[in-house]
C-alpha atoms as a PDB file:
ATOM      1  CA  MET A   1     150.593  73.831 112.323  1.00  0.00           C
ATOM      2  CA  GLU A   2     149.077  71.317 114.650  1.00  0.00           C
ATOM      3  CA  ALA A   3     145.495  70.158 114.355  1.00  0.00           C
ATOM      4  CA  THR A   4     143.321  70.603 117.567  1.00  0.00           C
ATOM      5  CA  THR A   5     140.038  69.351 116.179  1.00  0.00           C
ATOM      6  CA  ALA A   6     138.782  67.795 112.910  1.00  0.00           C
ATOM      7  CA  ASN A   7     137.444  71.153 111.460  1.00  0.00           C
ATOM      8  CA  THR A   8     139.931  73.678 113.267  1.00  0.00           C
ATOM      9  CA  ALA A   9     143.683  74.183 112.956  1.00  0.00           C
ATOM     10  CA  LYS A  10     145.876  76.376 114.908  1.00  0.00           C
ATOM     11  CA  THR A  11     148.048  78.910 113.190  1.00  0.00           C
ATOM     12  CA  THR A  12     151.524  79.809 114.405  1.00  0.00           C
ATOM     13  CA  ASP A  13     150.334  82.755 116.449  1.00  0.00           C
ATOM     14  CA  GLY A  14     147.602  80.564 118.278  1.00  0.00           C
ATOM     15  CA  ARG A  15     144.441  81.568 116.405  1.00  0.00           C
ATOM     16  CA  ALA A  16     141.906  78.998 115.450  1.00  0.00           C
ATOM     17  CA  GLU A  17     140.838  78.758 111.819  1.00  0.00           C
ATOM     18  CA  ARG A  18     138.041  76.739 110.262  1.00  0.00           C
ATOM     19  CA  ALA A  19     139.266  74.492 107.497  1.00  0.00           C
ATOM     20  CA  ALA A  20     137.634  75.446 104.160  1.00  0.00           C
ATOM     21  CA  ASP A  21     137.574  72.113 102.603  1.00  0.00           C
ATOM     22  CA  THR A  22     135.156  70.480 104.922  1.00  0.00           C
ATOM     23  CA  PRO A  23     131.863  68.929 103.735  1.00  0.00           C
ATOM     24  CA  VAL A  24     129.674  71.327 105.635  1.00  0.00           C
ATOM     25  CA  VAL A  25     131.350  74.536 104.362  1.00  0.00           C
ATOM     26  CA  ASP A  26     131.239  72.920 100.851  1.00  0.00           C
ATOM     27  CA  LYS A  27     127.486  72.337 101.182  1.00  0.00           C
ATOM     28  CA  ALA A  28     126.906  75.811 102.650  1.00  0.00           C
ATOM     29  CA  ALA A  29     128.758  77.432  99.897  1.00  0.00           C
ATOM     30  CA  VAL A  30     126.872  75.606  97.171  1.00  0.00           C
ATOM     31  CA  LYS A  31     123.583  76.498  98.848  1.00  0.00           C
ATOM     32  CA  ALA A  32     124.522  80.141  99.259  1.00  0.00           C
ATOM     33  CA  ARG A  33     125.693  80.274  95.585  1.00  0.00           C
ATOM     34  CA  ASP A  34     122.410  78.725  94.472  1.00  0.00           C
ATOM     35  CA  ALA A  35     120.451  81.273  96.556  1.00  0.00           C
ATOM     36  CA  LEU A  36     122.423  84.066  95.109  1.00  0.00           C
ATOM     37  CA  GLU A  37     121.729  82.890  91.607  1.00  0.00           C
ATOM     38  CA  ARG A  38     117.917  82.721  92.455  1.00  0.00           C
ATOM     39  CA  ALA A  39     118.038  86.095  93.799  1.00  0.00           C
ATOM     40  CA  VAL A  40     119.792  87.393  90.792  1.00  0.00           C
ATOM     41  CA  GLU A  41     117.270  85.706  88.277  1.00  0.00           C
ATOM     42  CA  THR A  42     114.386  87.099  90.413  1.00  0.00           C
ATOM     43  CA  ALA A  43     115.863  90.530  90.363  1.00  0.00           C
ATOM     44  CA  ALA A  44     116.223  90.387  86.615  1.00  0.00           C
ATOM     45  CA  THR A  45     112.759  89.137  86.261  1.00  0.00           C
ATOM     46  CA  ALA A  46     111.449  91.896  88.367  1.00  0.00           C
ATOM     47  CA  GLU A  47     113.507  94.578  86.438  1.00  0.00           C
ATOM     48  CA  LYS A  48     112.006  93.272  83.177  1.00  0.00           C
ATOM     49  CA  THR A  49     108.456  93.428  84.492  1.00  0.00           C
ATOM     50  CA  VAL A  50     109.039  96.919  85.850  1.00  0.00           C
ATOM     51  CA  ARG A  51     110.346  98.184  82.489  1.00  0.00           C
ATOM     52  CA  GLN A  52     107.591  96.600  80.531  1.00  0.00           C
ATOM     53  CA  GLY A  53     105.064  98.169  82.933  1.00  0.00           C
ATOM     54  CA  SER A  54     106.560 101.611  82.737  1.00  0.00           C
ATOM     55  CA  ALA A  55     106.445 101.444  78.868  1.00  0.00           C
ATOM     56  CA  GLY A  56     102.916 100.426  78.955  1.00  0.00           C
ATOM     57  CA  ALA A  57     102.094 103.089  81.461  1.00  0.00           C
ATOM     58  CA  ALA A  58     103.737 105.687  79.179  1.00  0.00           C
ATOM     59  CA  GLU A  59     101.722 104.553  76.180  1.00  0.00           C
ATOM     60  CA  LYS A  60      98.359 104.645  78.232  1.00  0.00           C
ATOM     61  CA  ALA A  61      99.370 108.152  79.416  1.00  0.00           C
ATOM     62  CA  HIS A  62      99.801 109.221  75.815  1.00  0.00           C
ATOM     63  CA  GLU A  63      96.503 107.784  74.894  1.00  0.00           C
ATOM     64  CA  ALA A  64      94.759 109.526  77.795  1.00  0.00           C
ATOM     65  CA  GLY A  65      96.436 112.758  76.738  1.00  0.00           C
ATOM     66  CA  ASP A  66      95.043 112.403  73.151  1.00  0.00           C
ATOM     67  CA  GLN A  67      91.640 111.758  74.626  1.00  0.00           C
ATOM     68  CA  VAL A  68      91.719 114.830  76.749  1.00  0.00           C
ATOM     69  CA  LYS A  69      92.816 116.857  73.817  1.00  0.00           C
ATOM     70  CA  ALA A  70      89.967 115.480  71.785  1.00  0.00           C
ATOM     71  CA  LEU A  71      87.418 116.113  74.531  1.00  0.00           C
ATOM     72  CA  GLY A  72      88.794 119.634  75.000  1.00  0.00           C
ATOM     73  CA  ALA A  73      88.298 120.398  71.328  1.00  0.00           C
ATOM     74  CA  GLN A  74      84.823 119.082  71.493  1.00  0.00           C
ATOM     75  CA  ALA A  75      83.955 121.229  74.540  1.00  0.00           C
ATOM     76  CA  GLN A  76      85.502 124.243  72.739  1.00  0.00           C
ATOM     77  CA  ALA A  77      83.227 123.604  69.787  1.00  0.00           C
ATOM     78  CA  ASN A  78      80.180 123.195  72.033  1.00  0.00           C
ATOM     79  CA  LEU A  79      80.958 126.395  73.900  1.00  0.00           C
ATOM     80  CA  GLU A  80      81.287 128.343  70.644  1.00  0.00           C
ATOM     81  CA  GLU A  81      77.973 126.770  69.312  1.00  0.00           C
ATOM     82  CA  GLN A  82      76.193 127.723  72.535  1.00  0.00           C
ATOM     83  CA  SER A  83      77.656 131.230  72.571  1.00  0.00           C
ATOM     84  CA  GLU A  84      76.281 131.849  69.078  1.00  0.00           C
ATOM     85  CA  LYS A  85      72.788 130.558  70.061  1.00  0.00           C
ATOM     86  CA  VAL A  86      72.764 133.002  73.137  1.00  0.00           C
ATOM     87  CA  GLY A  87      73.961 135.779  70.765  1.00  0.00           C
ATOM     88  CA  ARG A  88      71.075 135.132  68.414  1.00  0.00           C
ATOM     89  CA  TYR A  89      68.602 134.940  71.131  1.00  0.00           C
ATOM     90  CA  VAL A  90      69.579 138.228  72.554  1.00  0.00           C
ATOM     91  CA  LYS A  91      69.447 139.861  69.100  1.00  0.00           C
ATOM     92  CA  GLU A  92      65.961 138.364  68.385  1.00  0.00           C
ATOM     93  CA  ASN A  93      64.653 139.112  72.005  1.00  0.00           C
ATOM     94  CA  PRO A  94      66.451 142.136  73.488  1.00  0.00           C
ATOM     95  CA  LEU A  95      63.864 143.059  76.135  1.00  0.00           C
ATOM     96  CA  THR A  96      63.377 139.481  77.403  1.00  0.00           C
ATOM     97  CA  SER A  97      67.221 139.134  77.544  1.00  0.00           C
ATOM     98  CA  VAL A  98      67.515 142.325  79.649  1.00  0.00           C
ATOM     99  CA  GLY A  99      64.740 141.092  82.060  1.00  0.00           C
ATOM    100  CA  ILE A 100      66.537 137.643  82.407  1.00  0.00           C
ATOM    101  CA  ALA A 101      69.788 139.385  83.092  1.00  0.00           C
ATOM    102  CA  PHE A 102      68.251 141.793  85.693  1.00  0.00           C
ATOM    103  CA  ALA A 103      66.496 138.638  87.424  1.00  0.00           C
ATOM    104  CA  ALA A 104      69.796 136.636  87.433  1.00  0.00           C
ATOM    105  CA  GLY A 105      71.564 139.713  88.899  1.00  0.00           C
ATOM    106  CA  LEU A 106      69.047 139.923  91.802  1.00  0.00           C
ATOM    107  CA  VAL A 107      69.303 136.156  92.519  1.00  0.00           C
ATOM    108  CA  LEU A 108      73.087 136.441  92.510  1.00  0.00           C
ATOM    109  CA  SER A 109      73.161 139.409  94.777  1.00  0.00           C
ATOM    110  CA  ARG A 110      70.828 137.659  97.279  1.00  0.00           C
ATOM    111  CA  ILE A 111      73.024 134.595  97.300  1.00  0.00           C
ATOM    112  CA  ILE A 112      76.265 136.709  97.926  1.00  0.00           C
ATOM    113  CA  ARG A 113      74.707 138.618 100.758  1.00  0.00           C
ATOM    114  CA  SER A 114      73.667 135.619 102.746  1.00  0.00           C
END
């Protein structure tokens, strides 16, 4: 092989090759390796953050589900209580209840027609 420049050598078939042991190539390789290591560290940190965030989100979703169940049970209890109150009122005031039902029917029919 004969050298044509300081950083280039010719192979037997005439192609030019860059010498791998030059200071510029070494510096570039070190910088590339450092950049890759930083990228790997950043990716690992990001993965850890995402995993922690998803675990926290799952816990919060579970807590929210428990709160919804509790509110649903409370709403069911309130509905049953109000239903009992209405039933008692109807038994105690049957004519007034029929009049209220008739008036509500008239109002609803007017709303539906328009």
